């Protein structure tokens, strides 16, 4: 059974930085595409970034050049380094893992990121 546990969220001032981590278990981590999504109450969940098993990445336009996704296969962990944070980045951030064959996504419980002065 896939388990994804996010950490690292919190309150940060505009222009600040945060690093989110997601620890995975119950999967062969290196085979999975991993992603970060975010959701604001009342709105649809949206993609932030993906990283494939081979290390290829893609980002939402709104976070390009500010956020970096990376993975450590030895530690079964995916990271999201967020810089130059804006109030509009405020959301619950979810870690996700896509099964390599079915591409069915599994989700973590989410971690709140609040950008405010």
C-alpha atoms as a PDB file:
ATOM      1  CA  UNK A   1       0.000   0.000   0.000  1.00  0.00           C
ATOM      2  CA  UNK A   2       1.335   3.380  -0.994  1.00  0.00           C
ATOM      3  CA  UNK A   3       2.027   5.797   1.824  1.00  0.00           C
ATOM      4  CA  UNK A   4       3.119   9.355   1.171  1.00  0.00           C
ATOM      5  CA  UNK A   5       3.921  11.677   4.054  1.00  0.00           C
ATOM      6  CA  UNK A   6       4.565  15.358   3.417  1.00  0.00           C
ATOM      7  CA  UNK A   7       6.437  17.710   5.712  1.00  0.00           C
ATOM      8  CA  UNK A   8       7.948  21.168   5.667  1.00  0.00           C
ATOM      9  CA  UNK A   9       4.911  23.366   5.266  1.00  0.00           C
ATOM     10  CA  UNK A  10       4.296  26.449   7.342  1.00  0.00           C
ATOM     11  CA  UNK A  11       3.989  30.211   7.394  1.00  0.00           C
ATOM     12  CA  UNK A  12       6.489  32.280   5.427  1.00  0.00           C
ATOM     13  CA  UNK A  13       6.715  35.918   4.427  1.00  0.00           C
ATOM     14  CA  UNK A  14       6.453  36.979   0.786  1.00  0.00           C
ATOM     15  CA  UNK A  15       9.806  36.545  -0.914  1.00  0.00           C
ATOM     16  CA  UNK A  16      10.801  33.783   1.457  1.00  0.00           C
ATOM     17  CA  UNK A  17      11.618  30.143   0.886  1.00  0.00           C
ATOM     18  CA  UNK A  18      10.406  26.749   2.050  1.00  0.00           C
ATOM     19  CA  UNK A  19      11.377  23.193   1.248  1.00  0.00           C
ATOM     20  CA  UNK A  20       8.725  20.507   1.235  1.00  0.00           C
ATOM     21  CA  UNK A  21       9.604  16.850   1.607  1.00  0.00           C
ATOM     22  CA  UNK A  22       7.588  13.758   0.853  1.00  0.00           C
ATOM     23  CA  UNK A  23       8.639  10.387   2.169  1.00  0.00           C
ATOM     24  CA  UNK A  24       7.242   7.380   0.294  1.00  0.00           C
ATOM     25  CA  UNK A  25       6.783   3.790   1.397  1.00  0.00           C
ATOM     26  CA  UNK A  26       5.079   0.698   0.043  1.00  0.00           C
ATOM     27  CA  UNK A  27       6.356   1.292  -3.497  1.00  0.00           C
ATOM     28  CA  UNK A  28       9.483   0.790  -5.581  1.00  0.00           C
ATOM     29  CA  UNK A  29      10.104   4.504  -5.436  1.00  0.00           C
ATOM     30  CA  UNK A  30      12.621   4.750  -8.256  1.00  0.00           C
ATOM     31  CA  UNK A  31      10.057   3.454 -10.774  1.00  0.00           C
ATOM     32  CA  UNK A  32       7.432   6.081  -9.968  1.00  0.00           C
ATOM     33  CA  UNK A  33       6.805   9.497 -11.409  1.00  0.00           C
ATOM     34  CA  UNK A  34       6.400  11.820  -8.436  1.00  0.00           C
ATOM     35  CA  UNK A  35       4.523  15.070  -8.309  1.00  0.00           C
ATOM     36  CA  UNK A  36       3.511  18.026  -6.219  1.00  0.00           C
ATOM     37  CA  UNK A  37       0.044  19.501  -6.535  1.00  0.00           C
ATOM     38  CA  UNK A  38      -1.694  22.257  -4.620  1.00  0.00           C
ATOM     39  CA  UNK A  39      -5.233  23.196  -3.812  1.00  0.00           C
ATOM     40  CA  UNK A  40      -6.914  26.295  -2.491  1.00  0.00           C
ATOM     41  CA  UNK A  41     -10.211  25.824  -0.707  1.00  0.00           C
ATOM     42  CA  UNK A  42     -13.028  25.971  -3.243  1.00  0.00           C
ATOM     43  CA  UNK A  43     -10.750  25.540  -6.231  1.00  0.00           C
ATOM     44  CA  UNK A  44      -9.516  22.568  -8.229  1.00  0.00           C
ATOM     45  CA  UNK A  45      -6.289  20.853  -7.350  1.00  0.00           C
ATOM     46  CA  UNK A  46      -3.569  21.977  -9.753  1.00  0.00           C
ATOM     47  CA  UNK A  47      -0.213  20.647 -10.847  1.00  0.00           C
ATOM     48  CA  UNK A  48       2.855  22.310  -9.408  1.00  0.00           C
ATOM     49  CA  UNK A  49       5.613  20.024 -10.708  1.00  0.00           C
ATOM     50  CA  UNK A  50       6.388  16.465 -11.793  1.00  0.00           C
ATOM     51  CA  UNK A  51       9.607  14.494 -11.860  1.00  0.00           C
ATOM     52  CA  UNK A  52       9.828  11.219 -13.758  1.00  0.00           C
ATOM     53  CA  UNK A  53      11.727   8.108 -12.787  1.00  0.00           C
ATOM     54  CA  UNK A  54      14.451   9.260 -15.166  1.00  0.00           C
ATOM     55  CA  UNK A  55      14.661  12.693 -13.579  1.00  0.00           C
ATOM     56  CA  UNK A  56      12.846  14.738 -16.213  1.00  0.00           C
ATOM     57  CA  UNK A  57      10.867  17.591 -14.751  1.00  0.00           C
ATOM     58  CA  UNK A  58       8.015  19.848 -15.719  1.00  0.00           C
ATOM     59  CA  UNK A  59       6.470  22.795 -13.928  1.00  0.00           C
ATOM     60  CA  UNK A  60       3.357  24.888 -13.926  1.00  0.00           C
ATOM     61  CA  UNK A  61       4.033  28.223 -15.598  1.00  0.00           C
ATOM     62  CA  UNK A  62       3.184  30.030 -12.377  1.00  0.00           C
ATOM     63  CA  UNK A  63       6.101  28.451 -10.499  1.00  0.00           C
ATOM     64  CA  UNK A  64       8.774  28.120 -13.190  1.00  0.00           C
ATOM     65  CA  UNK A  65      12.102  29.654 -12.171  1.00  0.00           C
ATOM     66  CA  UNK A  66      10.939  29.820  -8.538  1.00  0.00           C
ATOM     67  CA  UNK A  67      10.309  26.190  -7.565  1.00  0.00           C
ATOM     68  CA  UNK A  68      12.531  23.150  -8.037  1.00  0.00           C
ATOM     69  CA  UNK A  69      11.441  19.533  -7.742  1.00  0.00           C
ATOM     70  CA  UNK A  70      14.032  16.867  -7.012  1.00  0.00           C
ATOM     71  CA  UNK A  71      14.190  13.311  -5.763  1.00  0.00           C
ATOM     72  CA  UNK A  72      16.487  11.112  -3.715  1.00  0.00           C
ATOM     73  CA  UNK A  73      15.825   7.508  -4.712  1.00  0.00           C
ATOM     74  CA  UNK A  74      18.099   6.188  -1.962  1.00  0.00           C
ATOM     75  CA  UNK A  75      15.865   7.847   0.635  1.00  0.00           C
ATOM     76  CA  UNK A  76      12.513   7.342  -1.149  1.00  0.00           C
ATOM     77  CA  UNK A  77      11.944  11.068  -0.886  1.00  0.00           C
ATOM     78  CA  UNK A  78      10.854  13.821  -3.238  1.00  0.00           C
ATOM     79  CA  UNK A  79      11.430  17.488  -2.510  1.00  0.00           C
ATOM     80  CA  UNK A  80       9.965  20.791  -3.594  1.00  0.00           C
ATOM     81  CA  UNK A  81      12.233  23.774  -3.038  1.00  0.00           C
ATOM     82  CA  UNK A  82      10.128  26.920  -3.164  1.00  0.00           C
ATOM     83  CA  UNK A  83      11.713  30.349  -3.446  1.00  0.00           C
ATOM     84  CA  UNK A  84      10.467  33.889  -4.018  1.00  0.00           C
ATOM     85  CA  UNK A  85       7.163  32.844  -2.536  1.00  0.00           C
ATOM     86  CA  UNK A  86       4.077  34.921  -3.237  1.00  0.00           C
ATOM     87  CA  UNK A  87       0.771  35.171  -1.378  1.00  0.00           C
ATOM     88  CA  UNK A  88      -0.871  33.388  -4.306  1.00  0.00           C
ATOM     89  CA  UNK A  89       1.276  30.331  -3.551  1.00  0.00           C
ATOM     90  CA  UNK A  90      -0.767  29.844  -0.384  1.00  0.00           C
ATOM     91  CA  UNK A  91      -2.429  26.424  -0.594  1.00  0.00           C
ATOM     92  CA  UNK A  92      -2.407  22.895   0.705  1.00  0.00           C
ATOM     93  CA  UNK A  93       0.408  21.095  -1.082  1.00  0.00           C
ATOM     94  CA  UNK A  94      -0.001  17.424  -1.896  1.00  0.00           C
ATOM     95  CA  UNK A  95       2.591  14.851  -2.800  1.00  0.00           C
ATOM     96  CA  UNK A  96       1.562  12.302  -5.418  1.00  0.00           C
ATOM     97  CA  UNK A  97       2.980   9.126  -6.915  1.00  0.00           C
ATOM     98  CA  UNK A  98       1.997   7.658 -10.286  1.00  0.00           C
ATOM     99  CA  UNK A  99       2.076   3.885 -10.741  1.00  0.00           C
ATOM    100  CA  UNK A 100       4.531   3.195 -13.571  1.00  0.00           C
ATOM    101  CA  UNK A 101       2.142   0.921 -15.486  1.00  0.00           C
ATOM    102  CA  UNK A 102      -1.366   2.158 -14.717  1.00  0.00           C
ATOM    103  CA  UNK A 103      -0.445   5.819 -14.084  1.00  0.00           C
ATOM    104  CA  UNK A 104      -2.947   5.811 -11.257  1.00  0.00           C
ATOM    105  CA  UNK A 105      -2.017   8.499  -8.760  1.00  0.00           C
ATOM    106  CA  UNK A 106      -1.777   8.001  -5.023  1.00  0.00           C
ATOM    107  CA  UNK A 107      -1.883  10.995  -2.701  1.00  0.00           C
ATOM    108  CA  UNK A 108      -0.462  12.181   0.564  1.00  0.00           C
ATOM    109  CA  UNK A 109      -2.503  13.962   3.213  1.00  0.00           C
ATOM    110  CA  UNK A 110      -1.213  17.413   2.305  1.00  0.00           C
ATOM    111  CA  UNK A 111       0.727  20.140   4.061  1.00  0.00           C
ATOM    112  CA  UNK A 112      -0.362  23.757   4.419  1.00  0.00           C
ATOM    113  CA  UNK A 113       1.801  26.524   2.994  1.00  0.00           C
ATOM    114  CA  UNK A 114       0.808  30.063   3.894  1.00  0.00           C
ATOM    115  CA  UNK A 115       2.592  33.062   2.414  1.00  0.00           C
ATOM    116  CA  UNK A 116       1.704  36.190   4.320  1.00  0.00           C
ATOM    117  CA  UNK A 117       3.272  39.182   6.004  1.00  0.00           C
END
